[in-house]
PDB file of N, CA and C in Angstrom:
ATOM      1  N   MET A   1      12.855  17.331   9.619  1.00  0.00           N
ATOM      2  CA  MET A   1      13.365  17.296  10.354  1.00  0.00           C
ATOM      3  C   MET A   1      12.140  16.968  11.456  1.00  0.00           C
ATOM      4  N   LEU A   2      11.585  16.292  12.333  1.00  0.00           N
ATOM      5  CA  LEU A   2      11.029  15.575  13.416  1.00  0.00           C
ATOM      6  C   LEU A   2      10.501  17.030  14.022  1.00  0.00           C
ATOM      7  N   ILE A   3       8.276  16.868  13.675  1.00  0.00           N
ATOM      8  CA  ILE A   3       8.762  17.428  15.037  1.00  0.00           C
ATOM      9  C   ILE A   3       7.638  16.883  15.495  1.00  0.00           C
ATOM     10  N   SER A   4       7.339  16.916  17.251  1.00  0.00           N
ATOM     11  CA  SER A   4       7.067  15.798  17.878  1.00  0.00           C
ATOM     12  C   SER A   4       5.324  15.129  17.426  1.00  0.00           C
ATOM     13  N   GLY A   5       5.727  13.596  17.502  1.00  0.00           N
ATOM     14  CA  GLY A   5       5.212  13.353  16.534  1.00  0.00           C
ATOM     15  C   GLY A   5       5.918  11.423  16.394  1.00  0.00           C
ATOM     16  N   ALA A   6       4.397  10.391  16.304  1.00  0.00           N
ATOM     17  CA  ALA A   6       5.267   9.281  15.707  1.00  0.00           C
ATOM     18  C   ALA A   6       6.491   9.121  14.439  1.00  0.00           C
ATOM     19  N   ILE A   7       7.505   8.131  14.344  1.00  0.00           N
ATOM     20  CA  ILE A   7       7.998   7.941  13.195  1.00  0.00           C
ATOM     21  C   ILE A   7       6.568   7.655  12.276  1.00  0.00           C
ATOM     22  N   ARG A   8       6.213   7.761  10.852  1.00  0.00           N
ATOM     23  CA  ARG A   8       5.506   6.694   9.759  1.00  0.00           C
ATOM     24  C   ARG A   8       5.993   6.072   9.479  1.00  0.00           C
ATOM     25  N   PHE A   9       5.912   5.270   9.134  1.00  0.00           N
ATOM     26  CA  PHE A   9       6.410   3.738   8.311  1.00  0.00           C
ATOM     27  C   PHE A   9       5.779   3.407   6.889  1.00  0.00           C
ATOM     28  N   ARG A  10       6.273   3.248   5.716  1.00  0.00           N
ATOM     29  CA  ARG A  10       5.364   2.444   4.706  1.00  0.00           C
ATOM     30  C   ARG A  10       4.560   1.741   5.297  1.00  0.00           C
ATOM     31  N   GLU A  11       5.326   0.764   5.610  1.00  0.00           N
ATOM     32  CA  GLU A  11       4.307  -0.693   6.370  1.00  0.00           C
ATOM     33  C   GLU A  11       3.152  -0.255   6.573  1.00  0.00           C
ATOM     34  N   ALA A  12       3.184   0.911   7.859  1.00  0.00           N
ATOM     35  CA  ALA A  12       1.968   0.686   9.502  1.00  0.00           C
ATOM     36  C   ALA A  12       1.329   1.506   8.935  1.00  0.00           C
ATOM     37  N   PRO A  13       0.130   0.455   9.054  1.00  0.00           N
ATOM     38  CA  PRO A  13      -1.716   1.149   8.883  1.00  0.00           C
ATOM     39  C   PRO A  13      -1.927   2.288   9.123  1.00  0.00           C
ATOM     40  N   ASP A  14      -2.151   2.706   8.672  1.00  0.00           N
ATOM     41  CA  ASP A  14      -3.184   4.396   8.113  1.00  0.00           C
ATOM     42  C   ASP A  14      -3.766   5.083   9.398  1.00  0.00           C
ATOM     43  N   GLY A  15      -4.170   4.283   9.913  1.00  0.00           N
ATOM     44  CA  GLY A  15      -4.538   4.431  11.378  1.00  0.00           C
ATOM     45  C   GLY A  15      -4.395   2.804  12.536  1.00  0.00           C
ATOM     46  N   TYR A  16      -5.111   2.806  13.940  1.00  0.00           N
ATOM     47  CA  TYR A  16      -5.288   2.260  14.633  1.00  0.00           C
ATOM     48  C   TYR A  16      -6.613   2.720  15.735  1.00  0.00           C
ATOM     49  N   TYR A  17      -7.067   1.003  15.390  1.00  0.00           N
ATOM     50  CA  TYR A  17      -8.191   1.712  16.020  1.00  0.00           C
ATOM     51  C   TYR A  17      -7.977   0.866  17.692  1.00  0.00           C
ATOM     52  N   VAL A  18      -9.701   2.307  18.410  1.00  0.00           N
ATOM     53  CA  VAL A  18      -9.011   1.411  19.884  1.00  0.00           C
ATOM     54  C   VAL A  18      -9.943   0.300  20.330  1.00  0.00           C
ATOM     55  N   PRO A  19     -10.505  -0.171  20.578  1.00  0.00           N
ATOM     56  CA  PRO A  19     -12.012  -0.475  20.038  1.00  0.00           C
ATOM     57  C   PRO A  19     -12.849   0.033  21.942  1.00  0.00           C
ATOM     58  N   PRO A  20     -13.865   0.192  22.035  1.00  0.00           N
ATOM     59  CA  PRO A  20     -14.603   0.648  22.916  1.00  0.00           C
ATOM     60  C   PRO A  20     -14.493   0.413  24.487  1.00  0.00           C
ATOM     61  N   HIS A  21     -14.416   0.813  25.558  1.00  0.00           N
ATOM     62  CA  HIS A  21     -13.443  -0.050  26.683  1.00  0.00           C
ATOM     63  C   HIS A  21     -13.889   1.230  27.926  1.00  0.00           C
ATOM     64  N   ILE A  22     -14.325  -0.028  29.432  1.00  0.00           N
ATOM     65  CA  ILE A  22     -14.849   1.515  30.439  1.00  0.00           C
ATOM     66  C   ILE A  22     -13.539   1.252  31.044  1.00  0.00           C
ATOM     67  N   GLN A  23     -12.512   1.669  31.775  1.00  0.00           N
ATOM     68  CA  GLN A  23     -12.001   0.957  32.476  1.00  0.00           C
ATOM     69  C   GLN A  23     -10.849   0.362  31.742  1.00  0.00           C
ATOM     70  N   GLY A  24     -10.224   0.079  30.398  1.00  0.00           N
ATOM     71  CA  GLY A  24     -10.354  -1.795  29.379  1.00  0.00           C
ATOM     72  C   GLY A  24     -10.793  -2.440  29.794  1.00  0.00           C
ATOM     73  N   LEU A  25     -11.851  -2.780  30.297  1.00  0.00           N
ATOM     74  CA  LEU A  25     -13.611  -3.404  30.101  1.00  0.00           C
ATOM     75  C   LEU A  25     -14.065  -3.462  29.140  1.00  0.00           C
ATOM     76  N   ASN A  26     -13.586  -4.808  27.361  1.00  0.00           N
ATOM     77  CA  ASN A  26     -14.064  -3.932  26.797  1.00  0.00           C
ATOM     78  C   ASN A  26     -15.687  -5.208  26.901  1.00  0.00           C
ATOM     79  N   VAL A  27     -16.592  -5.215  25.033  1.00  0.00           N
ATOM     80  CA  VAL A  27     -17.582  -6.186  24.885  1.00  0.00           C
ATOM     81  C   VAL A  27     -16.784  -7.816  25.451  1.00  0.00           C
ATOM     82  N   SER A  28     -16.202  -7.752  24.280  1.00  0.00           N
ATOM     83  CA  SER A  28     -15.469  -9.455  25.144  1.00  0.00           C
ATOM     84  C   SER A  28     -15.738  -9.750  26.329  1.00  0.00           C
ATOM     85  N   THR A  29     -14.986  -9.383  26.948  1.00  0.00           N
ATOM     86  CA  THR A  29     -13.935  -9.253  27.693  1.00  0.00           C
ATOM     87  C   THR A  29     -15.309  -9.159  29.552  1.00  0.00           C
ATOM     88  N   ALA A  30     -16.000  -8.568  28.834  1.00  0.00           N
ATOM     89  CA  ALA A  30     -17.116  -8.476  29.952  1.00  0.00           C
ATOM     90  C   ALA A  30     -18.012  -9.507  29.039  1.00  0.00           C
ATOM     91  N   THR A  31     -18.457 -10.541  28.586  1.00  0.00           N
ATOM     92  CA  THR A  31     -18.842 -11.254  27.625  1.00  0.00           C
ATOM     93  C   THR A  31     -18.533 -12.316  28.777  1.00  0.00           C
ATOM     94  N   LYS A  32     -17.637 -12.413  28.506  1.00  0.00           N
ATOM     95  CA  LYS A  32     -16.421 -13.659  29.378  1.00  0.00           C
ATOM     96  C   LYS A  32     -16.916 -13.315  30.941  1.00  0.00           C
ATOM     97  N   TYR A  33     -16.998 -12.337  31.577  1.00  0.00           N
ATOM     98  CA  TYR A  33     -17.144 -12.693  32.771  1.00  0.00           C
ATOM     99  C   TYR A  33     -18.086 -12.344  33.231  1.00  0.00           C
ATOM    100  N   ALA A  34     -19.004 -12.202  32.237  1.00  0.00           N
ATOM    101  CA  ALA A  34     -20.864 -12.532  32.577  1.00  0.00           C
ATOM    102  C   ALA A  34     -21.009 -13.595  32.805  1.00  0.00           C
ATOM    103  N   THR A  35     -20.480 -14.326  32.064  1.00  0.00           N
ATOM    104  CA  THR A  35     -21.124 -15.397  31.680  1.00  0.00           C
ATOM    105  C   THR A  35     -20.402 -16.408  33.190  1.00  0.00           C
ATOM    106  N   ILE A  36     -19.248 -16.654  33.059  1.00  0.00           N
ATOM    107  CA  ILE A  36     -18.705 -16.787  34.198  1.00  0.00           C
ATOM    108  C   ILE A  36     -19.483 -16.572  35.616  1.00  0.00           C
ATOM    109  N   ALA A  37     -19.570 -15.269  35.921  1.00  0.00           N
ATOM    110  CA  ALA A  37     -20.349 -15.172  37.148  1.00  0.00           C
ATOM    111  C   ALA A  37     -21.762 -15.363  37.180  1.00  0.00           C
ATOM    112  N   SER A  38     -22.340 -15.849  35.815  1.00  0.00           N
ATOM    113  CA  SER A  38     -23.593 -16.329  36.361  1.00  0.00           C
ATOM    114  C   SER A  38     -23.305 -18.225  35.810  1.00  0.00           C
ATOM    115  N   ALA A  39     -23.107 -18.502  35.470  1.00  0.00           N
ATOM    116  CA  ALA A  39     -22.801 -19.741  35.926  1.00  0.00           C
ATOM    117  C   ALA A  39     -22.583 -20.222  37.488  1.00  0.00           C
ATOM    118  N   PHE A  40     -21.661 -19.063  38.573  1.00  0.00           N
ATOM    119  CA  PHE A  40     -21.344 -19.339  39.186  1.00  0.00           C
ATOM    120  C   PHE A  40     -23.074 -18.966  40.157  1.00  0.00           C
ATOM    121  N   GLY A  41     -23.548 -17.661  39.557  1.00  0.00           N
ATOM    122  CA  GLY A  41     -24.722 -17.479  39.843  1.00  0.00           C
ATOM    123  C   GLY A  41     -25.792 -18.002  40.841  1.00  0.00           C
ATOM    124  N   VAL A  42     -25.869 -19.407  39.150  1.00  0.00           N
ATOM    125  CA  VAL A  42     -27.634 -20.382  39.428  1.00  0.00           C
ATOM    126  C   VAL A  42     -27.023 -21.016  39.590  1.00  0.00           C
ATOM    127  N   SER A  43     -25.062 -21.568  40.104  1.00  0.00           N
ATOM    128  CA  SER A  43     -25.570 -22.342  41.006  1.00  0.00           C
ATOM    129  C   SER A  43     -24.695 -22.720  42.360  1.00  0.00           C
ATOM    130  N   ALA A  44     -25.142 -21.475  42.517  1.00  0.00           N
ATOM    131  CA  ALA A  44     -25.556 -20.879  44.484  1.00  0.00           C
ATOM    132  C   ALA A  44     -26.675 -20.493  44.191  1.00  0.00           C
ATOM    133  N   GLY A  45     -27.467 -20.837  43.496  1.00  0.00           N
ATOM    134  CA  GLY A  45     -28.438 -20.421  43.900  1.00  0.00           C
ATOM    135  C   GLY A  45     -29.477 -22.087  44.017  1.00  0.00           C
ATOM    136  N   VAL A  46     -29.148 -23.000  42.949  1.00  0.00           N
ATOM    137  CA  VAL A  46     -29.515 -23.995  42.590  1.00  0.00           C
ATOM    138  C   VAL A  46     -29.220 -25.037  44.155  1.00  0.00           C
ATOM    139  N   PHE A  47     -27.586 -24.656  44.732  1.00  0.00           N
ATOM    140  CA  PHE A  47     -27.776 -25.591  45.494  1.00  0.00           C
ATOM    141  C   PHE A  47     -28.434 -24.679  46.773  1.00  0.00           C
ATOM    142  N   ALA A  48     -28.189 -22.801  47.233  1.00  0.00           N
ATOM    143  CA  ALA A  48     -29.422 -22.529  48.026  1.00  0.00           C
ATOM    144  C   ALA A  48     -31.166 -23.560  48.138  1.00  0.00           C
ATOM    145  N   LEU A  49     -31.395 -23.408  47.530  1.00  0.00           N
ATOM    146  CA  LEU A  49     -32.564 -23.878  47.011  1.00  0.00           C
ATOM    147  C   LEU A  49     -32.569 -25.053  47.262  1.00  0.00           C
ATOM    148  N   PHE A  50     -32.167 -26.063  47.214  1.00  0.00           N
ATOM    149  CA  PHE A  50     -32.378 -27.074  47.466  1.00  0.00           C
ATOM    150  C   PHE A  50     -31.579 -27.661  49.322  1.00  0.00           C
ATOM    151  N   PHE A  51     -30.798 -26.912  49.662  1.00  0.00           N
ATOM    152  CA  PHE A  51     -30.398 -27.173  50.822  1.00  0.00           C
ATOM    153  C   PHE A  51     -31.772 -26.638  51.863  1.00  0.00           C
ATOM    154  N   PHE A  52     -32.126 -25.633  51.661  1.00  0.00           N
ATOM    155  CA  PHE A  52     -32.768 -24.888  52.119  1.00  0.00           C
ATOM    156  C   PHE A  52     -34.318 -25.739  52.286  1.00  0.00           C
ATOM    157  N   GLY A  53     -33.974 -27.445  51.195  1.00  0.00           N
ATOM    158  CA  GLY A  53     -35.618 -27.629  50.044  1.00  0.00           C
ATOM    159  C   GLY A  53     -35.671 -28.372  52.221  1.00  0.00           C
ATOM    160  N   GLU A  54     -36.272 -28.592  52.713  1.00  0.00           N
ATOM    161  CA  GLU A  54     -36.381 -28.921  54.473  1.00  0.00           C
ATOM    162  C   GLU A  54     -37.351 -27.803  55.304  1.00  0.00           C
ATOM    163  N   VAL A  55     -36.643 -26.743  54.766  1.00  0.00           N
ATOM    164  CA  VAL A  55     -37.053 -26.001  55.477  1.00  0.00           C
ATOM    165  C   VAL A  55     -39.204 -25.574  55.132  1.00  0.00           C
ATOM    166  N   PRO A  56     -40.188 -25.924  56.202  1.00  0.00           N
ATOM    167  CA  PRO A  56     -41.178 -26.065  55.697  1.00  0.00           C
ATOM    168  C   PRO A  56     -41.533 -24.496  54.710  1.00  0.00           C
ATOM    169  N   ARG A  57     -40.999 -23.091  54.926  1.00  0.00           N
ATOM    170  CA  ARG A  57     -40.972 -22.239  53.974  1.00  0.00           C
ATOM    171  C   ARG A  57     -40.732 -22.251  52.610  1.00  0.00           C
ATOM    172  N   VAL A  58     -39.811 -23.301  52.792  1.00  0.00           N
ATOM    173  CA  VAL A  58     -39.362 -22.950  51.281  1.00  0.00           C
ATOM    174  C   VAL A  58     -39.623 -23.650  50.457  1.00  0.00           C
ATOM    175  N   ARG A  59     -40.221 -24.850  50.709  1.00  0.00           N
ATOM    176  CA  ARG A  59     -40.546 -25.954  50.588  1.00  0.00           C
ATOM    177  C   ARG A  59     -42.011 -25.392  49.824  1.00  0.00           C
ATOM    178  N   ASN A  60     -43.136 -25.027  50.426  1.00  0.00           N
ATOM    179  CA  ASN A  60     -44.622 -24.453  50.070  1.00  0.00           C
ATOM    180  C   ASN A  60     -44.406 -23.537  50.021  1.00  0.00           C
ATOM    181  N   ASP A  61     -43.486 -22.206  49.696  1.00  0.00           N
ATOM    182  CA  ASP A  61     -43.599 -21.432  48.513  1.00  0.00           C
ATOM    183  C   ASP A  61     -42.846 -22.180  47.418  1.00  0.00           C
ATOM    184  N   LEU A  62     -41.724 -22.474  47.391  1.00  0.00           N
ATOM    185  CA  LEU A  62     -40.921 -22.239  46.663  1.00  0.00           C
ATOM    186  C   LEU A  62     -41.450 -23.502  45.649  1.00  0.00           C
ATOM    187  N   LEU A  63     -40.818 -24.806  46.780  1.00  0.00           N
ATOM    188  CA  LEU A  63     -40.031 -25.953  45.454  1.00  0.00           C
ATOM    189  C   LEU A  63     -41.807 -26.387  45.127  1.00  0.00           C
ATOM    190  N   ARG A  64     -43.346 -26.139  45.847  1.00  0.00           N
ATOM    191  CA  ARG A  64     -44.115 -26.324  45.236  1.00  0.00           C
ATOM    192  C   ARG A  64     -44.506 -26.669  44.140  1.00  0.00           C
ATOM    193  N   LYS A  65     -44.213 -25.167  44.286  1.00  0.00           N
ATOM    194  CA  LYS A  65     -44.732 -24.375  42.387  1.00  0.00           C
ATOM    195  C   LYS A  65     -43.971 -25.206  41.497  1.00  0.00           C
ATOM    196  N   VAL A  66     -42.937 -25.962  41.466  1.00  0.00           N
ATOM    197  CA  VAL A  66     -42.902 -26.447  40.958  1.00  0.00           C
ATOM    198  C   VAL A  66     -42.924 -27.512  39.704  1.00  0.00           C
ATOM    199  N   PRO A  67     -43.880 -27.276  38.387  1.00  0.00           N
ATOM    200  CA  PRO A  67     -44.091 -28.223  37.793  1.00  0.00           C
ATOM    201  C   PRO A  67     -44.851 -29.710  38.447  1.00  0.00           C
ATOM    202  N   PHE A  68     -43.251 -31.255  38.272  1.00  0.00           N
ATOM    203  CA  PHE A  68     -43.528 -31.889  38.678  1.00  0.00           C
ATOM    204  C   PHE A  68     -42.657 -31.908  40.119  1.00  0.00           C
ATOM    205  N   LEU A  69     -41.557 -31.250  40.885  1.00  0.00           N
ATOM    206  CA  LEU A  69     -41.340 -31.700  42.492  1.00  0.00           C
ATOM    207  C   LEU A  69     -42.796 -31.167  43.829  1.00  0.00           C
ATOM    208  N   ASP A  70     -43.565 -31.349  42.567  1.00  0.00           N
ATOM    209  CA  ASP A  70     -44.888 -30.938  43.160  1.00  0.00           C
ATOM    210  C   ASP A  70     -45.161 -32.144  44.754  1.00  0.00           C
ATOM    211  N   GLU A  71     -45.314 -33.294  43.589  1.00  0.00           N
ATOM    212  CA  GLU A  71     -45.876 -34.606  44.514  1.00  0.00           C
ATOM    213  C   GLU A  71     -44.730 -34.508  45.521  1.00  0.00           C
ATOM    214  N   TYR A  72     -43.557 -34.752  44.953  1.00  0.00           N
ATOM    215  CA  TYR A  72     -42.217 -35.268  45.220  1.00  0.00           C
ATOM    216  C   TYR A  72     -42.055 -34.589  46.861  1.00  0.00           C
ATOM    217  N   TYR A  73     -42.007 -32.840  46.965  1.00  0.00           N
ATOM    218  CA  TYR A  73     -42.428 -32.242  48.128  1.00  0.00           C
ATOM    219  C   TYR A  73     -43.120 -31.506  49.209  1.00  0.00           C
ATOM    220  N   ASP A  74     -44.198 -33.143  48.648  1.00  0.00           N
ATOM    221  CA  ASP A  74     -45.076 -32.863  49.498  1.00  0.00           C
ATOM    222  C   ASP A  74     -45.645 -34.299  50.732  1.00  0.00           C
ATOM    223  N   ARG A  75     -45.293 -32.935  51.731  1.00  0.00           N
ATOM    224  CA  ARG A  75     -45.399 -33.707  53.539  1.00  0.00           C
ATOM    225  C   ARG A  75     -46.583 -33.861  53.831  1.00  0.00           C
ATOM    226  N   SER A  76     -47.961 -33.989  53.344  1.00  0.00           N
ATOM    227  CA  SER A  76     -48.816 -34.272  54.050  1.00  0.00           C
ATOM    228  C   SER A  76     -48.485 -35.591  55.353  1.00  0.00           C
ATOM    229  N   ILE A  77     -49.783 -35.693  55.844  1.00  0.00           N
ATOM    230  CA  ILE A  77     -49.921 -36.133  56.833  1.00  0.00           C
ATOM    231  C   ILE A  77     -51.257 -37.442  56.191  1.00  0.00           C
ATOM    232  N   PRO A  78     -50.491 -38.710  56.183  1.00  0.00           N
ATOM    233  CA  PRO A  78     -52.028 -39.093  55.718  1.00  0.00           C
ATOM    234  C   PRO A  78     -52.913 -40.189  56.088  1.00  0.00           C
ATOM    235  N   ALA A  79     -53.893 -40.061  55.704  1.00  0.00           N
ATOM    236  CA  ALA A  79     -55.536 -39.673  57.270  1.00  0.00           C
ATOM    237  C   ALA A  79     -55.211 -41.209  58.143  1.00  0.00           C
ATOM    238  N   GLU A  80     -54.644 -42.324  57.749  1.00  0.00           N
ATOM    239  CA  GLU A  80     -54.351 -43.543  58.854  1.00  0.00           C
ATOM    240  C   GLU A  80     -53.738 -43.275  59.851  1.00  0.00           C
ATOM    241  N   ASP A  81     -52.686 -42.194  59.798  1.00  0.00           N
ATOM    242  CA  ASP A  81     -51.565 -42.079  60.322  1.00  0.00           C
ATOM    243  C   ASP A  81     -51.285 -40.839  61.256  1.00  0.00           C
ATOM    244  N   ASN A  82     -52.261 -40.268  61.199  1.00  0.00           N
ATOM    245  CA  ASN A  82     -53.424 -39.075  61.966  1.00  0.00           C
ATOM    246  C   ASN A  82     -53.847 -39.064  63.173  1.00  0.00           C
ATOM    247  N   PRO A  83     -53.848 -39.544  64.305  1.00  0.00           N
ATOM    248  CA  PRO A  83     -54.223 -39.714  65.429  1.00  0.00           C
ATOM    249  C   PRO A  83     -54.866 -39.532  65.482  1.00  0.00           C
ATOM    250  N   PHE A  84     -56.292 -38.109  65.358  1.00  0.00           N
ATOM    251  CA  PHE A  84     -56.978 -37.856  65.873  1.00  0.00           C
ATOM    252  C   PHE A  84     -58.255 -37.876  64.166  1.00  0.00           C
TER     253      PHE A  84
END
């Protein structure tokens, strides 16, 4: 006689393990999504930084602080070109 419950087979495992999750999102899936999202975020940030690189505020406040880019983004007028 069966009383409410699942039928147990001899070959069945003793217990079932449900990994911890939040609304179906477990650690491995969250890690995969976070890696993809961070790659998109970094690429969007680099694009925005160099897209707005010719704006003087971005160039002077951000890009000239990078050690090897400071001379590349230096837009000072040479003394021989200064009319004053």
